[in-house]
C-alpha atoms as a PDB file:
ATOM      1  CA  HIS A   1     -62.765 147.414 164.498  1.00  0.00           C
ATOM      2  CA  ALA A   2     -63.730 143.621 163.517  1.00  0.00           C
ATOM      3  CA  ARG A   3     -66.636 144.900 161.560  1.00  0.00           C
ATOM      4  CA  ALA A   4     -64.615 147.546 159.710  1.00  0.00           C
ATOM      5  CA  TYR A   5     -62.123 145.037 158.977  1.00  0.00           C
ATOM      6  CA  ALA A   6     -64.712 142.491 157.588  1.00  0.00           C
ATOM      7  CA  ARG A   7     -66.168 145.115 155.560  1.00  0.00           C
ATOM      8  CA  THR A   8     -62.864 146.374 154.084  1.00  0.00           C
ATOM      9  CA  HIS A   9     -62.080 142.512 153.403  1.00  0.00           C
ATOM     10  CA  ALA A  10     -65.259 141.875 152.093  1.00  0.00           C
ATOM     11  CA  ARG A  11     -64.899 144.673 149.616  1.00  0.00           C
ATOM     12  CA  THR A  12     -61.494 144.139 148.628  1.00  0.00           C
ATOM     13  CA  HIS A  13     -62.591 140.355 147.709  1.00  0.00           C
ATOM     14  CA  SER A  14     -65.697 141.700 145.678  1.00  0.00           C
ATOM     15  CA  LEU A  15     -62.970 144.036 143.897  1.00  0.00           C
ATOM     16  CA  THR A  16     -60.490 141.576 143.312  1.00  0.00           C
ATOM     17  CA  HIS A  17     -63.306 138.968 141.998  1.00  0.00           C
ATOM     18  CA  SER A  18     -64.484 141.884 139.833  1.00  0.00           C
ATOM     19  CA  LEU A  19     -61.131 143.051 138.367  1.00  0.00           C
ATOM     20  CA  THR A  20     -59.999 139.029 138.054  1.00  0.00           C
ATOM     21  CA  HIS A  21     -63.286 138.567 136.137  1.00  0.00           C
ATOM     22  CA  SER A  22     -63.067 141.737 134.174  1.00  0.00           C
ATOM     23  CA  LEU A  23     -59.631 141.001 133.429  1.00  0.00           C
ATOM     24  CA  THR A  24     -59.951 137.429 132.326  1.00  0.00           C
ATOM     25  CA  HIS A  25     -63.134 138.706 130.116  1.00  0.00           C
ATOM     26  CA  SER A  26     -61.098 141.232 128.711  1.00  0.00           C
ATOM     27  CA  LEU A  27     -58.000 139.270 127.958  1.00  0.00           C
ATOM     28  CA  THR A  28     -59.730 136.318 126.921  1.00  0.00           C
ATOM     29  CA  HIS A  29     -61.901 138.466 124.540  1.00  0.00           C
ATOM     30  CA  SER A  30     -58.298 140.363 123.522  1.00  0.00           C
ATOM     31  CA  LEU A  31     -56.778 136.915 123.144  1.00  0.00           C
ATOM     32  CA  THR A  32     -59.764 135.523 121.129  1.00  0.00           C
ATOM     33  CA  HIS A  33     -60.178 138.644 119.057  1.00  0.00           C
ATOM     34  CA  SER A  34     -55.905 138.545 118.246  1.00  0.00           C
ATOM     35  CA  LEU A  35     -56.103 134.747 117.538  1.00  0.00           C
ATOM     36  CA  THR A  36     -59.676 135.082 115.306  1.00  0.00           C
ATOM     37  CA  HIS A  37     -57.912 137.717 113.124  1.00  0.00           C
ATOM     38  CA  SER A  38     -54.721 135.747 113.001  1.00  0.00           C
ATOM     39  CA  LEU A  39     -56.498 132.923 112.035  1.00  0.00           C
ATOM     40  CA  THR A  40     -58.899 134.785 109.700  1.00  0.00           C
ATOM     41  CA  HIS A  41     -55.726 136.634 108.139  1.00  0.00           C
ATOM     42  CA  SER A  42     -53.772 133.268 107.818  1.00  0.00           C
ATOM     43  CA  LEU A  43     -56.776 131.228 106.463  1.00  0.00           C
ATOM     44  CA  THR A  44     -57.659 134.278 104.104  1.00  0.00           C
ATOM     45  CA  HIS A  45     -54.222 134.501 102.928  1.00  0.00           C
ATOM     46  CA  SER A  46     -53.966 130.566 102.346  1.00  0.00           C
ATOM     47  CA  LEU A  47     -57.491 130.486 100.732  1.00  0.00           C
ATOM     48  CA  THR A  48     -56.099 133.207  98.500  1.00  0.00           C
ATOM     49  CA  HIS A  49     -53.052 131.670  97.807  1.00  0.00           C
ATOM     50  CA  SER A  50     -54.710 128.557  96.710  1.00  0.00           C
ATOM     51  CA  LEU A  51     -57.723 129.523  94.795  1.00  0.00           C
ATOM     52  CA  THR A  52     -55.449 132.081  92.500  1.00  0.00           C
ATOM     53  CA  HIS A  53     -53.125 128.682  92.423  1.00  0.00           C
ATOM     54  CA  SER A  54     -56.194 126.444  91.383  1.00  0.00           C
ATOM     55  CA  LEU A  55     -57.427 129.189  89.258  1.00  0.00           C
ATOM     56  CA  THR A  56     -54.116 129.426  87.326  1.00  0.00           C
ATOM     57  CA  HIS A  57     -53.452 126.195  86.757  1.00  0.00           C
ATOM     58  CA  SER A  58     -57.126 125.566  86.034  1.00  0.00           C
ATOM     59  CA  LEU A  59     -57.191 128.596  83.761  1.00  0.00           C
ATOM     60  CA  THR A  60     -53.898 127.783  82.390  1.00  0.00           C
ATOM     61  CA  HIS A  61     -54.932 124.215  81.585  1.00  0.00           C
ATOM     62  CA  SER A  62     -58.334 125.281  79.804  1.00  0.00           C
ATOM     63  CA  LEU A  63     -56.329 127.629  77.661  1.00  0.00           C
ATOM     64  CA  THR A  64     -53.465 125.267  76.870  1.00  0.00           C
ATOM     65  CA  HIS A  65     -56.397 122.985  75.710  1.00  0.00           C
ATOM     66  CA  SER A  66     -58.174 125.491  73.916  1.00  0.00           C
ATOM     67  CA  LEU A  67     -55.392 126.601  72.009  1.00  0.00           C
ATOM     68  CA  THR A  68     -54.276 123.019  71.479  1.00  0.00           C
ATOM     69  CA  HIS A  69     -57.265 121.733  69.997  1.00  0.00           C
ATOM     70  CA  SER A  70     -57.198 125.307  67.610  1.00  0.00           C
ATOM     71  CA  LEU A  71     -53.874 124.872  66.565  1.00  0.00           C
ATOM     72  CA  THR A  72     -54.029 121.333  65.982  1.00  0.00           C
ATOM     73  CA  HIS A  73     -57.571 121.925  64.004  1.00  0.00           C
ATOM     74  CA  SER A  74     -55.937 125.068  62.014  1.00  0.00           C
ATOM     75  CA  LEU A  75     -52.665 122.958  60.943  1.00  0.00           C
ATOM     76  CA  THR A  76     -54.743 119.874  60.376  1.00  0.00           C
ATOM     77  CA  HIS A  77     -57.060 122.133  58.052  1.00  0.00           C
ATOM     78  CA  SER A  78     -54.425 123.900  56.361  1.00  0.00           C
ATOM     79  CA  LEU A  79     -52.301 120.797  55.672  1.00  0.00           C
ATOM     80  CA  THR A  80     -55.541 119.023  54.638  1.00  0.00           C
ATOM     81  CA  HIS A  81     -56.307 121.829  52.266  1.00  0.00           C
ATOM     82  CA  SER A  82     -52.672 122.183  51.026  1.00  0.00           C
ATOM     83  CA  LEU A  83     -52.474 118.545  50.171  1.00  0.00           C
ATOM     84  CA  THR A  84     -55.677 118.194  48.547  1.00  0.00           C
ATOM     85  CA  HIS A  85     -54.861 121.002  46.352  1.00  0.00           C
ATOM     86  CA  SER A  86     -51.034 119.732  45.755  1.00  0.00           C
ATOM     87  CA  LEU A  87     -52.784 116.130  44.913  1.00  0.00           C
ATOM     88  CA  THR A  88     -55.840 117.888  43.035  1.00  0.00           C
ATOM     89  CA  HIS A  89     -53.365 119.784  41.048  1.00  0.00           C
ATOM     90  CA  SER A  90     -51.240 116.758  40.264  1.00  0.00           C
ATOM     91  CA  LEU A  91     -53.797 114.515  39.793  1.00  0.00           C
ATOM     92  CA  THR A  92     -55.591 117.162  37.691  1.00  0.00           C
ATOM     93  CA  HIS A  93     -52.147 117.539  35.690  1.00  0.00           C
ATOM     94  CA  SER A  94     -51.687 113.721  35.274  1.00  0.00           C
ATOM     95  CA  LEU A  95     -55.130 113.024  33.827  1.00  0.00           C
ATOM     96  CA  THR A  96     -54.957 116.221  31.512  1.00  0.00           C
ATOM     97  CA  HIS A  97     -51.831 115.128  30.287  1.00  0.00           C
ATOM     98  CA  SER A  98     -53.049 111.260  29.830  1.00  0.00           C
ATOM     99  CA  LEU A  99     -56.003 111.943  28.556  1.00  0.00           C
ATOM    100  CA  THR A 100     -54.819 114.625  25.578  1.00  0.00           C
ATOM    101  CA  HIS A 101     -52.198 111.969  24.808  1.00  0.00           C
ATOM    102  CA  SER A 102     -54.931 109.407  24.808  1.00  0.00           C
ATOM    103  CA  LEU A 103     -57.314 111.509  22.788  1.00  0.00           C
ATOM    104  CA  THR A 104     -55.138 112.679  20.641  1.00  0.00           C
ATOM    105  CA  HIS A 105     -53.722 109.315  19.707  1.00  0.00           C
ATOM    106  CA  SER A 106     -57.057 107.999  19.262  1.00  0.00           C
ATOM    107  CA  LEU A 107     -58.066 110.725  17.115  1.00  0.00           C
ATOM    108  CA  THR A 108     -55.387 110.748  15.216  1.00  0.00           C
ATOM    109  CA  HIS A 109     -55.497 107.147  14.258  1.00  0.00           C
ATOM    110  CA  SER A 110     -58.909 107.294  13.678  1.00  0.00           C
ATOM    111  CA  LEU A 111     -58.281 110.035  11.286  1.00  0.00           C
ATOM    112  CA  THR A 112     -55.449 108.326   9.719  1.00  0.00           C
ATOM    113  CA  HIS A 113     -57.577 104.820   9.108  1.00  0.00           C
ATOM    114  CA  SER A 114     -60.487 107.045   8.090  1.00  0.00           C
ATOM    115  CA  LEU A 115     -58.475 109.156   5.472  1.00  0.00           C
ATOM    116  CA  THR A 116     -56.093 106.058   4.145  1.00  0.00           C
ATOM    117  CA  HIS A 117     -59.331 103.832   3.814  1.00  0.00           C
ATOM    118  CA  SER A 118     -61.284 107.002   1.733  1.00  0.00           C
ATOM    119  CA  LEU A 119     -57.735 107.863  -0.521  1.00  0.00           C
ATOM    120  CA  THR A 120     -57.601 104.116  -1.114  1.00  0.00           C
ATOM    121  CA  HIS A 121     -60.915 103.800  -2.582  1.00  0.00           C
ATOM    122  CA  SER A 122     -60.716 107.048  -4.491  1.00  0.00           C
ATOM    123  CA  LEU A 123     -57.420 106.498  -5.992  1.00  0.00           C
ATOM    124  CA  THR A 124     -57.438 102.743  -6.984  1.00  0.00           C
ATOM    125  CA  HIS A 125     -59.146 102.245  -9.968  1.00  0.00           C
ATOM    126  CA  SER A 126     -61.787 100.033 -10.567  1.00  0.00           C
ATOM    127  CA  ARG A 127     -59.806  97.138 -12.340  1.00  0.00           C
ATOM    128  CA  THR A 128     -57.014  97.195  -9.672  1.00  0.00           C
ATOM    129  CA  HIS A 129     -57.643  95.214  -6.168  1.00  0.00           C
ATOM    130  CA  ALA A 130     -55.778  97.313  -3.678  1.00  0.00           C
ATOM    131  CA  ARG A 131     -54.052  95.276  -1.361  1.00  0.00           C
ATOM    132  CA  THR A 132     -52.876  97.587   1.778  1.00  0.00           C
ATOM    133  CA  HIS A 133     -50.396  97.132   4.317  1.00  0.00           C
ATOM    134  CA  ALA A 134     -50.856  99.809   7.132  1.00  0.00           C
ATOM    135  CA  ARG A 135     -48.517 100.289   9.982  1.00  0.00           C
ATOM    136  CA  THR A 136     -49.368 102.383  12.558  1.00  0.00           C
ATOM    137  CA  HIS A 137     -46.936 103.795  15.294  1.00  0.00           C
ATOM    138  CA  SER A 138     -47.309 106.026  18.585  1.00  0.00           C
ATOM    139  CA  VAL A 139     -48.693 109.477  17.330  1.00  0.00           C
ATOM    140  CA  GLU A 140     -45.831 111.837  19.237  1.00  0.00           C
ATOM    141  CA  ARG A 141     -43.268 114.081  18.645  1.00  0.00           C
ATOM    142  CA  ASN A 142     -40.847 113.024  15.759  1.00  0.00           C
ATOM    143  CA  ALA A 143     -42.864 109.817  15.301  1.00  0.00           C
ATOM    144  CA  ARG A 144     -42.764 107.656  12.217  1.00  0.00           C
ATOM    145  CA  PRO A 145     -45.164 108.055   9.468  1.00  0.00           C
ATOM    146  CA  HIS A 146     -48.082 105.965   9.111  1.00  0.00           C
ATOM    147  CA  THR A 147     -47.337 104.192   5.508  1.00  0.00           C
ATOM    148  CA  LEU A 148     -50.009 102.883   3.138  1.00  0.00           C
ATOM    149  CA  ARG A 149     -49.196 101.303  -0.031  1.00  0.00           C
ATOM    150  CA  THR A 150     -51.637 100.975  -2.635  1.00  0.00           C
ATOM    151  CA  HIS A 151     -51.466 100.168  -6.522  1.00  0.00           C
ATOM    152  CA  SER A 152     -52.269 103.496  -7.948  1.00  0.00           C
ATOM    153  CA  CYS A 153     -51.071 106.195 -10.668  1.00  0.00           C
ATOM    154  CA  THR A 154     -52.228 109.517  -8.903  1.00  0.00           C
ATOM    155  CA  TYR A 155     -50.273 112.270  -7.654  1.00  0.00           C
ATOM    156  CA  GLN A 156     -51.979 113.946  -4.894  1.00  0.00           C
ATOM    157  CA  HIS A 157     -50.873 116.373  -1.581  1.00  0.00           C
ATOM    158  CA  ILE A 158     -53.601 116.627   1.353  1.00  0.00           C
ATOM    159  CA  TYR A 159     -52.802 118.938   4.350  1.00  0.00           C
ATOM    160  CA  ILE A 160     -54.895 118.504   7.337  1.00  0.00           C
ATOM    161  CA  TYR A 161     -54.761 120.285  10.845  1.00  0.00           C
ATOM    162  CA  THR A 162     -57.075 119.370  13.600  1.00  0.00           C
ATOM    163  CA  ILE A 163     -57.820 122.143  16.219  1.00  0.00           C
ATOM    164  CA  HIS A 164     -59.137 120.436  18.750  1.00  0.00           C
ATOM    165  CA  THR A 165     -56.128 117.663  19.204  1.00  0.00           C
ATOM    166  CA  HIS A 166     -53.326 120.023  17.525  1.00  0.00           C
ATOM    167  CA  THR A 167     -52.731 117.451  15.153  1.00  0.00           C
ATOM    168  CA  TYR A 168     -50.669 118.333  11.878  1.00  0.00           C
ATOM    169  CA  ILE A 169     -51.779 115.372   9.324  1.00  0.00           C
ATOM    170  CA  TYR A 170     -50.074 115.365   5.869  1.00  0.00           C
ATOM    171  CA  ILE A 171     -50.736 113.148   3.218  1.00  0.00           C
ATOM    172  CA  SER A 172     -49.008 112.711   0.005  1.00  0.00           C
ATOM    173  CA  ALA A 173     -50.137 109.991  -2.840  1.00  0.00           C
ATOM    174  CA  HIS A 174     -47.599 108.985  -5.685  1.00  0.00           C
ATOM    175  CA  ASN A 175     -47.567 106.469  -7.910  1.00  0.00           C
ATOM    176  CA  THR A 176     -47.865 103.502  -5.743  1.00  0.00           C
ATOM    177  CA  HIS A 177     -47.419 104.861  -2.736  1.00  0.00           C
ATOM    178  CA  ILE A 178     -49.499 106.783  -0.243  1.00  0.00           C
ATOM    179  CA  HIS A 179     -47.518 108.331   2.705  1.00  0.00           C
ATOM    180  CA  ILE A 180     -49.247 109.834   6.070  1.00  0.00           C
ATOM    181  CA  HIS A 181     -47.507 111.567   8.219  1.00  0.00           C
ATOM    182  CA  ALA A 182     -49.018 112.609  11.433  1.00  0.00           C
ATOM    183  CA  ARG A 183     -47.526 114.798  14.149  1.00  0.00           C
ATOM    184  CA  THR A 184     -49.094 116.408  17.514  1.00  0.00           C
ATOM    185  CA  GLU A 185     -48.121 119.786  18.488  1.00  0.00           C
END
């Protein structure tokens, strides 16, 4: 009877130990798996969220920088081109106007002087000494005429139109007066 009890007790102890070991291993594995899965899921979620946020921020920053640079460059180029064009147009207009006026005045004055000189010498008799007095004014619209006085008894009219300077010159010589009128269009 004692042996039977001893065997039963030994078997019971062995089974208990075996079951305890199995359950412990099983529970440990189950818990480890569950925790690992939970942690993995949690970490995956965190990392995904973190990376998504980081990438979104990085891309947004990169795109913002790129767009800002592009827009700045585009606007700068556009404004520079616009201002350059405007300034070029303005300067061209000013210079053209200034040069046209200057050349017209210079050429008209030169022509007036040359014609006055020619007329004075051609109309003055060899015995008469010409006394010339010329007054020159700016050659513009409605400008006062250039006047030359000389001793002469000749009557003559000359009309001249210069194409390049668009200048009308009218010269009349009568008795002791030579009148030269210059007018630009």
